[in-house]
Amino acid sequence: MSLPSSPEDDPRPQPPERPDDNACCQSGCDPCIFDLYNDEVTRWRAELAAWERRQAEREAAKPPAKATG
């Protein structure tokens, strides 16, 4: 797998917006809006972990900075 060419091509994943507490209708829906939100949070965490690995790989691939002096 190749890394995106620049950080701008690979923005940090943003967390999903949590539904308002009043968004649940309390009628036992399956899935509830909060079940869907929890699924989105799980997906976001996986995407964030993958993004963090790519950032670490990108940093490791950078040539060392030249010393000035």
PDB file of N, CA and C in Angstrom:
ATOM      1  N   MET A   1       0.845  -1.174   0.000  1.00  0.00           N
ATOM      2  CA  MET A   1       0.000   0.000   0.000  1.00  0.00           C
ATOM      3  C   MET A   1       0.891   1.238   0.000  1.00  0.00           C
ATOM      4  N   SER A   2       0.588   2.183  -0.853  1.00  0.00           N
ATOM      5  CA  SER A   2       1.371   3.417  -0.891  1.00  0.00           C
ATOM      6  C   SER A   2       0.667   4.487  -0.079  1.00  0.00           C
ATOM      7  N   LEU A   3       1.476   5.356   0.491  1.00  0.00           N
ATOM      8  CA  LEU A   3       0.943   6.454   1.289  1.00  0.00           C
ATOM      9  C   LEU A   3       0.482   7.581   0.389  1.00  0.00           C
ATOM     10  N   PRO A   4      -0.533   8.337   0.788  1.00  0.00           N
ATOM     11  CA  PRO A   4      -0.893   9.537   0.029  1.00  0.00           C
ATOM     12  C   PRO A   4       0.335  10.441  -0.071  1.00  0.00           C
ATOM     13  N   SER A   5       0.413  11.183  -1.159  1.00  0.00           N
ATOM     14  CA  SER A   5       1.613  11.971  -1.423  1.00  0.00           C
ATOM     15  C   SER A   5       1.862  13.089  -0.417  1.00  0.00           C
ATOM     16  N   SER A   6       0.838  13.593   0.212  1.00  0.00           N
ATOM     17  CA  SER A   6       1.032  14.657   1.191  1.00  0.00           C
ATOM     18  C   SER A   6      -0.048  14.573   2.262  1.00  0.00           C
ATOM     19  N   PRO A   7       0.211  15.174   3.427  1.00  0.00           N
ATOM     20  CA  PRO A   7      -0.804  15.160   4.485  1.00  0.00           C
ATOM     21  C   PRO A   7      -2.128  15.790   4.043  1.00  0.00           C
ATOM     22  N   GLU A   8      -2.053  16.747   3.134  1.00  0.00           N
ATOM     23  CA  GLU A   8      -3.285  17.390   2.654  1.00  0.00           C
ATOM     24  C   GLU A   8      -4.165  16.395   1.896  1.00  0.00           C
ATOM     25  N   ASP A   9      -3.540  15.352   1.316  1.00  0.00           N
ATOM     26  CA  ASP A   9      -4.293  14.326   0.595  1.00  0.00           C
ATOM     27  C   ASP A   9      -4.876  13.283   1.541  1.00  0.00           C
ATOM     28  N   ASP A  10      -4.525  13.382   2.816  1.00  0.00           N
ATOM     29  CA  ASP A  10      -4.941  12.385   3.797  1.00  0.00           C
ATOM     30  C   ASP A  10      -5.339  13.089   5.097  1.00  0.00           C
ATOM     31  N   PRO A  11      -6.462  13.800   5.089  1.00  0.00           N
ATOM     32  CA  PRO A  11      -6.853  14.534   6.301  1.00  0.00           C
ATOM     33  C   PRO A  11      -7.229  13.591   7.443  1.00  0.00           C
ATOM     34  N   ARG A  12      -7.039  14.074   8.667  1.00  0.00           N
ATOM     35  CA  ARG A  12      -7.395  13.297   9.854  1.00  0.00           C
ATOM     36  C   ARG A  12      -8.897  13.042   9.847  1.00  0.00           C
ATOM     37  N   PRO A  13      -9.310  11.789  10.072  1.00  0.00           N
ATOM     38  CA  PRO A  13     -10.750  11.504  10.133  1.00  0.00           C
ATOM     39  C   PRO A  13     -11.409  12.272  11.274  1.00  0.00           C
ATOM     40  N   GLN A  14     -12.583  12.761  11.020  1.00  0.00           N
ATOM     41  CA  GLN A  14     -13.327  13.523  12.025  1.00  0.00           C
ATOM     42  C   GLN A  14     -14.343  12.606  12.706  1.00  0.00           C
ATOM     43  N   PRO A  15     -14.513  12.760  14.013  1.00  0.00           N
ATOM     44  CA  PRO A  15     -15.481  11.908  14.721  1.00  0.00           C
ATOM     45  C   PRO A  15     -16.898  12.225  14.270  1.00  0.00           C
ATOM     46  N   PRO A  16     -17.772  11.228  14.362  1.00  0.00           N
ATOM     47  CA  PRO A  16     -19.170  11.497  14.003  1.00  0.00           C
ATOM     48  C   PRO A  16     -19.813  12.411  15.040  1.00  0.00           C
ATOM     49  N   GLU A  17     -20.821  13.107  14.612  1.00  0.00           N
ATOM     50  CA  GLU A  17     -21.537  13.996  15.527  1.00  0.00           C
ATOM     51  C   GLU A  17     -22.515  13.173  16.349  1.00  0.00           C
ATOM     52  N   ARG A  18     -22.436  13.340  17.660  1.00  0.00           N
ATOM     53  CA  ARG A  18     -23.320  12.592  18.551  1.00  0.00           C
ATOM     54  C   ARG A  18     -24.732  13.149  18.437  1.00  0.00           C
ATOM     55  N   PRO A  19     -25.712  12.255  18.334  1.00  0.00           N
ATOM     56  CA  PRO A  19     -27.091  12.731  18.304  1.00  0.00           C
ATOM     57  C   PRO A  19     -27.453  13.392  19.623  1.00  0.00           C
ATOM     58  N   ASP A  20     -28.359  14.326  19.555  1.00  0.00           N
ATOM     59  CA  ASP A  20     -28.873  14.975  20.753  1.00  0.00           C
ATOM     60  C   ASP A  20     -29.557  13.923  21.626  1.00  0.00           C
ATOM     61  N   ASP A  21     -29.486  14.089  22.927  1.00  0.00           N
ATOM     62  CA  ASP A  21     -30.121  13.126  23.833  1.00  0.00           C
ATOM     63  C   ASP A  21     -31.604  12.937  23.536  1.00  0.00           C
ATOM     64  N   ASN A  22     -32.238  13.957  23.023  1.00  0.00           N
ATOM     65  CA  ASN A  22     -33.667  13.877  22.708  1.00  0.00           C
ATOM     66  C   ASN A  22     -33.937  13.241  21.353  1.00  0.00           C
ATOM     67  N   ALA A  23     -32.894  12.832  20.626  1.00  0.00           N
ATOM     68  CA  ALA A  23     -33.088  12.256  19.292  1.00  0.00           C
ATOM     69  C   ALA A  23     -33.687  10.859  19.366  1.00  0.00           C
ATOM     70  N   CYS A  24     -33.490  10.175  20.482  1.00  0.00           N
ATOM     71  CA  CYS A  24     -34.060   8.830  20.662  1.00  0.00           C
ATOM     72  C   CYS A  24     -35.549   8.966  20.985  1.00  0.00           C
ATOM     73  N   CYS A  25     -36.357   8.191  20.307  1.00  0.00           N
ATOM     74  CA  CYS A  25     -37.809   8.294  20.514  1.00  0.00           C
ATOM     75  C   CYS A  25     -38.302   7.410  21.666  1.00  0.00           C
ATOM     76  N   GLN A  26     -37.397   6.605  22.262  1.00  0.00           N
ATOM     77  CA  GLN A  26     -37.731   5.752  23.406  1.00  0.00           C
ATOM     78  C   GLN A  26     -38.802   4.701  23.090  1.00  0.00           C
ATOM     79  N   SER A  27     -38.902   4.316  21.799  1.00  0.00           N
ATOM     80  CA  SER A  27     -39.911   3.312  21.454  1.00  0.00           C
ATOM     81  C   SER A  27     -39.295   1.948  21.154  1.00  0.00           C
ATOM     82  N   GLY A  28     -38.024   1.790  21.465  1.00  0.00           N
ATOM     83  CA  GLY A  28     -37.391   0.484  21.289  1.00  0.00           C
ATOM     84  C   GLY A  28     -36.996   0.168  19.858  1.00  0.00           C
ATOM     85  N   CYS A  29     -36.732   1.186  19.060  1.00  0.00           N
ATOM     86  CA  CYS A  29     -36.326   0.962  17.670  1.00  0.00           C
ATOM     87  C   CYS A  29     -35.089   0.070  17.629  1.00  0.00           C
ATOM     88  N   ASP A  30     -35.013  -0.782  16.621  1.00  0.00           N
ATOM     89  CA  ASP A  30     -33.849  -1.624  16.421  1.00  0.00           C
ATOM     90  C   ASP A  30     -33.446  -1.526  14.962  1.00  0.00           C
ATOM     91  N   PRO A  31     -32.411  -0.770  14.650  1.00  0.00           N
ATOM     92  CA  PRO A  31     -31.474  -0.170  15.593  1.00  0.00           C
ATOM     93  C   PRO A  31     -31.943   1.212  16.035  1.00  0.00           C
ATOM     94  N   CYS A  32     -31.535   1.554  17.234  1.00  0.00           N
ATOM     95  CA  CYS A  32     -31.785   2.894  17.777  1.00  0.00           C
ATOM     96  C   CYS A  32     -30.788   3.851  17.136  1.00  0.00           C
ATOM     97  N   ILE A  33     -31.112   5.118  17.114  1.00  0.00           N
ATOM     98  CA  ILE A  33     -30.198   6.122  16.563  1.00  0.00           C
ATOM     99  C   ILE A  33     -28.853   6.075  17.288  1.00  0.00           C
ATOM    100  N   PHE A  34     -28.857   5.712  18.563  1.00  0.00           N
ATOM    101  CA  PHE A  34     -27.602   5.621  19.308  1.00  0.00           C
ATOM    102  C   PHE A  34     -26.827   4.347  18.954  1.00  0.00           C
ATOM    103  N   ASP A  35     -27.520   3.289  18.537  1.00  0.00           N
ATOM    104  CA  ASP A  35     -26.828   2.105  18.023  1.00  0.00           C
ATOM    105  C   ASP A  35     -26.075   2.475  16.743  1.00  0.00           C
ATOM    106  N   LEU A  36     -26.738   3.232  15.880  1.00  0.00           N
ATOM    107  CA  LEU A  36     -26.103   3.666  14.632  1.00  0.00           C
ATOM    108  C   LEU A  36     -24.920   4.580  14.922  1.00  0.00           C
ATOM    109  N   TYR A  37     -25.088   5.462  15.895  1.00  0.00           N
ATOM    110  CA  TYR A  37     -23.997   6.353  16.293  1.00  0.00           C
ATOM    111  C   TYR A  37     -22.816   5.532  16.818  1.00  0.00           C
ATOM    112  N   ASN A  38     -23.077   4.535  17.660  1.00  0.00           N
ATOM    113  CA  ASN A  38     -21.997   3.696  18.186  1.00  0.00           C
ATOM    114  C   ASN A  38     -21.284   2.956  17.060  1.00  0.00           C
ATOM    115  N   ASP A  39     -22.006   2.507  16.054  1.00  0.00           N
ATOM    116  CA  ASP A  39     -21.379   1.872  14.888  1.00  0.00           C
ATOM    117  C   ASP A  39     -20.458   2.862  14.173  1.00  0.00           C
ATOM    118  N   GLU A  40     -20.921   4.110  14.030  1.00  0.00           N
ATOM    119  CA  GLU A  40     -20.113   5.139  13.385  1.00  0.00           C
ATOM    120  C   GLU A  40     -18.859   5.446  14.199  1.00  0.00           C
ATOM    121  N   VAL A  41     -18.973   5.469  15.527  1.00  0.00           N
ATOM    122  CA  VAL A  41     -17.812   5.716  16.388  1.00  0.00           C
ATOM    123  C   VAL A  41     -16.797   4.581  16.233  1.00  0.00           C
ATOM    124  N   THR A  42     -17.269   3.348  16.191  1.00  0.00           N
ATOM    125  CA  THR A  42     -16.376   2.201  16.004  1.00  0.00           C
ATOM    126  C   THR A  42     -15.640   2.308  14.670  1.00  0.00           C
ATOM    127  N   ARG A  43     -16.356   2.662  13.622  1.00  0.00           N
ATOM    128  CA  ARG A  43     -15.750   2.829  12.294  1.00  0.00           C
ATOM    129  C   ARG A  43     -14.749   3.989  12.306  1.00  0.00           C
ATOM    130  N   TRP A  44     -15.116   5.089  12.950  1.00  0.00           N
ATOM    131  CA  TRP A  44     -14.211   6.241  13.033  1.00  0.00           C
ATOM    132  C   TRP A  44     -12.931   5.875  13.779  1.00  0.00           C
ATOM    133  N   ARG A  45     -13.052   5.131  14.879  1.00  0.00           N
ATOM    134  CA  ARG A  45     -11.854   4.737  15.639  1.00  0.00           C
ATOM    135  C   ARG A  45     -10.917   3.892  14.782  1.00  0.00           C
ATOM    136  N   ALA A  46     -11.474   2.993  13.987  1.00  0.00           N
ATOM    137  CA  ALA A  46     -10.648   2.175  13.094  1.00  0.00           C
ATOM    138  C   ALA A  46      -9.985   3.049  12.027  1.00  0.00           C
ATOM    139  N   GLU A  47     -10.737   3.988  11.463  1.00  0.00           N
ATOM    140  CA  GLU A  47     -10.177   4.897  10.458  1.00  0.00           C
ATOM    141  C   GLU A  47      -9.095   5.780  11.075  1.00  0.00           C
ATOM    142  N   LEU A  48      -9.311   6.237  12.311  1.00  0.00           N
ATOM    143  CA  LEU A  48      -8.329   7.068  12.988  1.00  0.00           C
ATOM    144  C   LEU A  48      -7.050   6.277  13.275  1.00  0.00           C
ATOM    145  N   ALA A  49      -7.182   5.034  13.709  1.00  0.00           N
ATOM    146  CA  ALA A  49      -6.006   4.200  13.971  1.00  0.00           C
ATOM    147  C   ALA A  49      -5.216   3.982  12.686  1.00  0.00           C
ATOM    148  N   ALA A  50      -5.901   3.735  11.581  1.00  0.00           N
ATOM    149  CA  ALA A  50      -5.219   3.557  10.297  1.00  0.00           C
ATOM    150  C   ALA A  50      -4.533   4.853   9.880  1.00  0.00           C
ATOM    151  N   TRP A  51      -5.193   5.985  10.077  1.00  0.00           N
ATOM    152  CA  TRP A  51      -4.608   7.283   9.742  1.00  0.00           C
ATOM    153  C   TRP A  51      -3.357   7.532  10.574  1.00  0.00           C
ATOM    154  N   GLU A  52      -3.434   7.228  11.879  1.00  0.00           N
ATOM    155  CA  GLU A  52      -2.276   7.423  12.754  1.00  0.00           C
ATOM    156  C   GLU A  52      -1.102   6.546  12.321  1.00  0.00           C
ATOM    157  N   ARG A  53      -1.371   5.310  11.887  1.00  0.00           N
ATOM    158  CA  ARG A  53      -0.298   4.447  11.378  1.00  0.00           C
ATOM    159  C   ARG A  53       0.331   5.060  10.129  1.00  0.00           C
ATOM    160  N   ARG A  54      -0.517   5.605   9.232  1.00  0.00           N
ATOM    161  CA  ARG A  54       0.020   6.228   8.017  1.00  0.00           C
ATOM    162  C   ARG A  54       0.887   7.429   8.359  1.00  0.00           C
ATOM    163  N   GLN A  55       0.454   8.209   9.369  1.00  0.00           N
ATOM    164  CA  GLN A  55       1.242   9.373   9.764  1.00  0.00           C
ATOM    165  C   GLN A  55       2.598   8.933  10.315  1.00  0.00           C
ATOM    166  N   ALA A  56       2.611   7.882  11.111  1.00  0.00           N
ATOM    167  CA  ALA A  56       3.864   7.369  11.662  1.00  0.00           C
ATOM    168  C   ALA A  56       4.769   6.856  10.536  1.00  0.00           C
ATOM    169  N   GLU A  57       4.191   6.178   9.556  1.00  0.00           N
ATOM    170  CA  GLU A  57       4.970   5.695   8.408  1.00  0.00           C
ATOM    171  C   GLU A  57       5.533   6.870   7.611  1.00  0.00           C
ATOM    172  N   ARG A  58       4.719   7.903   7.439  1.00  0.00           N
ATOM    173  CA  ARG A  58       5.166   9.082   6.695  1.00  0.00           C
ATOM    174  C   ARG A  58       6.332   9.748   7.423  1.00  0.00           C
ATOM    175  N   GLU A  59       6.231   9.871   8.754  1.00  0.00           N
ATOM    176  CA  GLU A  59       7.308  10.472   9.542  1.00  0.00           C
ATOM    177  C   GLU A  59       8.573   9.626   9.464  1.00  0.00           C
ATOM    178  N   ALA A  60       8.411   8.308   9.535  1.00  0.00           N
ATOM    179  CA  ALA A  60       9.567   7.410   9.487  1.00  0.00           C
ATOM    180  C   ALA A  60      10.246   7.449   8.123  1.00  0.00           C
ATOM    181  N   ALA A  61       9.503   7.749   7.064  1.00  0.00           N
ATOM    182  CA  ALA A  61      10.043   7.769   5.719  1.00  0.00           C
ATOM    183  C   ALA A  61      10.732   9.079   5.379  1.00  0.00           C
ATOM    184  N   LYS A  62      10.540  10.104   6.229  1.00  0.00           N
ATOM    185  CA  LYS A  62      11.171  11.406   5.952  1.00  0.00           C
ATOM    186  C   LYS A  62      12.687  11.277   6.094  1.00  0.00           C
ATOM    187  N   PRO A  63      13.412  11.933   5.198  1.00  0.00           N
ATOM    188  CA  PRO A  63      14.867  11.936   5.366  1.00  0.00           C
ATOM    189  C   PRO A  63      15.233  12.719   6.621  1.00  0.00           C
ATOM    190  N   PRO A  64      16.324  12.341   7.279  1.00  0.00           N
ATOM    191  CA  PRO A  64      16.719  13.079   8.487  1.00  0.00           C
ATOM    192  C   PRO A  64      17.019  14.542   8.169  1.00  0.00           C
ATOM    193  N   ALA A  65      16.694  15.401   9.099  1.00  0.00           N
ATOM    194  CA  ALA A  65      16.953  16.829   8.923  1.00  0.00           C
ATOM    195  C   ALA A  65      18.469  17.070   9.005  1.00  0.00           C
ATOM    196  N   LYS A  66      18.946  17.958   8.156  1.00  0.00           N
ATOM    197  CA  LYS A  66      20.374  18.300   8.191  1.00  0.00           C
ATOM    198  C   LYS A  66      20.640  19.221   9.364  1.00  0.00           C
ATOM    199  N   ALA A  67      21.759  18.968  10.012  1.00  0.00           N
ATOM    200  CA  ALA A  67      22.143  19.825  11.127  1.00  0.00           C
ATOM    201  C   ALA A  67      22.680  21.146  10.579  1.00  0.00           C
ATOM    202  N   THR A  68      22.300  22.218  11.226  1.00  0.00           N
ATOM    203  CA  THR A  68      22.801  23.524  10.825  1.00  0.00           C
ATOM    204  C   THR A  68      23.829  23.995  11.845  1.00  0.00           C
ATOM    205  N   GLY A  69      24.775  24.765  11.379  1.00  0.00           N
ATOM    206  CA  GLY A  69      25.699  25.273  12.363  1.00  0.00           C
ATOM    207  C   GLY A  69      26.988  25.624  11.847  1.00  0.00           C
TER     208      GLY A  69
END
